[in-house]
N, C-alpha and C. Protein backbone atom coordinates (compact mmCIF):
# COMPACT_ATOMS: atom_id res chain seq x y z
N MET A 1 0.93 -48.53 -3.85
CA MET A 1 0.95 -47.55 -3.04
C MET A 1 0.39 -45.59 -3.60
N LYS A 2 -0.20 -44.89 -2.46
CA LYS A 2 -0.88 -43.96 -3.15
C LYS A 2 0.31 -42.63 -3.22
N GLN A 3 0.79 -41.77 -4.14
CA GLN A 3 1.36 -40.64 -4.20
C GLN A 3 0.92 -39.53 -3.89
N GLN A 4 1.28 -39.25 -3.00
CA GLN A 4 0.96 -37.66 -2.29
C GLN A 4 1.85 -36.63 -2.71
N LEU A 5 0.36 -36.16 -3.08
CA LEU A 5 0.76 -34.56 -4.07
C LEU A 5 1.46 -33.55 -2.82
N VAL A 6 2.12 -32.78 -3.21
CA VAL A 6 2.68 -31.60 -2.26
C VAL A 6 2.39 -30.58 -2.55
N SER A 7 1.75 -29.74 -2.49
CA SER A 7 1.48 -28.74 -2.98
C SER A 7 2.43 -27.38 -2.86
N ASP A 8 2.66 -26.76 -3.68
CA ASP A 8 3.80 -25.72 -3.66
C ASP A 8 2.95 -23.87 -3.73
N ARG A 9 1.76 -24.04 -3.68
CA ARG A 9 1.21 -22.79 -3.06
C ARG A 9 2.18 -22.43 -1.44
N GLY A 10 2.25 -22.41 -0.89
CA GLY A 10 2.80 -21.92 -0.05
C GLY A 10 2.17 -21.61 1.22
N ASP A 11 2.31 -21.13 2.09
CA ASP A 11 1.34 -20.44 3.03
C ASP A 11 0.71 -19.77 3.00
N VAL A 12 -0.75 -20.05 1.86
CA VAL A 12 -1.69 -19.16 1.67
C VAL A 12 -1.74 -17.95 3.10
N PRO A 13 -3.05 -18.00 3.73
CA PRO A 13 -3.44 -17.62 4.88
C PRO A 13 -1.98 -16.71 5.29
N GLY A 14 -0.91 -16.95 5.59
CA GLY A 14 -0.04 -15.61 5.80
C GLY A 14 0.27 -15.12 5.06
N TRP A 15 0.55 -15.07 3.68
CA TRP A 15 0.15 -14.02 3.03
C TRP A 15 -0.76 -12.95 2.58
N VAL A 16 -1.65 -13.38 2.55
CA VAL A 16 -3.51 -12.31 2.71
C VAL A 16 -2.76 -11.61 4.17
N LEU A 17 -2.56 -12.46 5.13
CA LEU A 17 -2.67 -11.19 5.97
C LEU A 17 -1.33 -10.26 6.03
N ILE A 18 -0.08 -10.83 5.55
CA ILE A 18 0.69 -9.86 5.22
C ILE A 18 0.47 -9.24 4.20
N THR A 19 -0.52 -9.13 3.49
CA THR A 19 -1.33 -8.22 2.10
C THR A 19 -2.31 -7.32 2.75
N LEU A 20 -2.65 -7.71 3.85
CA LEU A 20 -3.69 -6.92 4.45
C LEU A 20 -2.85 -5.75 5.57
N MET A 21 -2.22 -6.53 5.99
CA MET A 21 -1.31 -5.23 7.15
C MET A 21 -0.65 -4.41 6.26
N THR A 22 -0.20 -4.87 5.03
CA THR A 22 0.77 -3.45 4.00
C THR A 22 0.12 -2.91 3.65
N ALA A 23 -1.81 -3.32 3.36
CA ALA A 23 -2.66 -2.52 2.66
C ALA A 23 -2.85 -1.16 3.95
N GLY A 24 -3.26 -2.12 5.30
CA GLY A 24 -3.66 -0.84 6.05
C GLY A 24 -2.32 -0.20 7.04
N LEU A 25 -1.20 -0.27 6.95
CA LEU A 25 -0.23 0.56 6.93
C LEU A 25 -0.11 1.85 5.88
N VAL A 26 -0.13 0.89 4.10
CA VAL A 26 -0.64 2.31 3.44
C VAL A 26 -1.67 3.20 3.86
N VAL A 27 -2.92 2.64 4.15
CA VAL A 27 -4.29 3.93 4.56
C VAL A 27 -3.88 4.64 5.83
N VAL A 28 -2.65 4.20 6.77
CA VAL A 28 -2.40 4.66 7.98
C VAL A 28 -1.36 5.87 7.15
N ILE A 29 -0.30 5.38 6.51
CA ILE A 29 0.44 6.55 6.33
C ILE A 29 0.27 7.95 5.19
N TRP A 30 -0.74 6.62 4.69
CA TRP A 30 -1.41 7.76 3.63
C TRP A 30 -2.41 9.01 4.79
N ALA A 31 -3.00 9.11 5.25
CA ALA A 31 -3.60 9.35 6.44
C ALA A 31 -2.71 10.54 6.78
N PHE A 32 -1.41 10.55 7.32
CA PHE A 32 -0.73 11.54 8.00
C PHE A 32 -0.42 12.30 6.58
N ALA A 33 -0.14 11.63 5.94
CA ALA A 33 0.88 12.15 4.93
C ALA A 33 0.36 13.35 3.88
N ALA A 34 -1.10 12.65 3.77
CA ALA A 34 -2.00 13.69 2.77
C ALA A 34 -2.28 15.05 3.14
N PRO A 35 -2.10 15.55 4.59
CA PRO A 35 -2.23 16.86 4.03
C PRO A 35 -1.00 17.50 3.78
N ALA A 36 0.07 16.93 4.28
CA ALA A 36 1.33 17.46 3.62
C ALA A 36 1.45 17.46 2.01
N LEU A 37 0.93 16.07 1.58
CA LEU A 37 1.53 16.49 0.07
C LEU A 37 0.49 17.67 -0.42
N GLN A 38 -0.98 17.20 -0.06
CA GLN A 38 -1.27 18.75 -0.72
C GLN A 38 -1.22 20.07 -0.72
N GLY A 39 -0.32 20.61 0.79
CA GLY A 39 -0.06 21.74 0.83
C GLY A 39 1.13 21.55 0.07
N VAL A 40 1.98 20.91 -0.38
CA VAL A 40 3.15 20.80 -1.57
C VAL A 40 2.40 20.81 -2.72
N PHE A 41 1.40 20.20 -3.20
CA PHE A 41 0.73 20.32 -4.67
C PHE A 41 0.09 21.58 -4.39
N ASP A 42 -0.41 22.10 -3.73
CA ASP A 42 -1.26 23.14 -3.41
C ASP A 42 0.15 24.57 -4.27
N GLN A 43 1.27 24.29 -3.09
CA GLN A 43 2.00 25.70 -3.28
C GLN A 43 3.10 25.30 -4.79
N ALA A 44 2.87 24.58 -5.18
CA ALA A 44 3.58 23.93 -6.79
C ALA A 44 2.55 24.16 -7.74
N MET A 45 1.21 24.14 -7.04
CA MET A 45 0.21 24.75 -8.46
C MET A 45 0.50 26.25 -8.36
N ASP A 46 0.21 26.97 -7.30
CA ASP A 46 0.25 28.43 -6.96
C ASP A 46 1.43 29.24 -7.94
N ARG A 47 2.04 28.31 -7.73
CA ARG A 47 3.58 28.99 -8.52
C ARG A 47 3.78 28.88 -10.04
N VAL A 48 2.73 27.98 -10.54
CA VAL A 48 3.17 27.84 -11.98
C VAL A 48 1.81 28.69 -12.57
N VAL A 49 0.97 28.91 -12.10
CA VAL A 49 -0.28 29.90 -12.58
C VAL A 49 0.29 30.99 -11.90
N SER A 50 1.26 31.48 -10.58
CA SER A 50 1.27 32.83 -11.08
C SER A 50 2.31 33.31 -11.70
N PHE A 51 3.32 32.18 -12.63
CA PHE A 51 4.20 32.11 -13.49
C PHE A 51 4.02 33.26 -14.72
């Protein structure tokens, strides 16, 4: 009788898909948030420099 090896790796294609979707969401959110974050950063730097 042959013993069948059971893989504990899980659903690798599923994890790859989740990783790619998460990376895509980060890119989309960053595209919308970047101008606002740049404005906040510029204001903070202006206040520090003028202090």
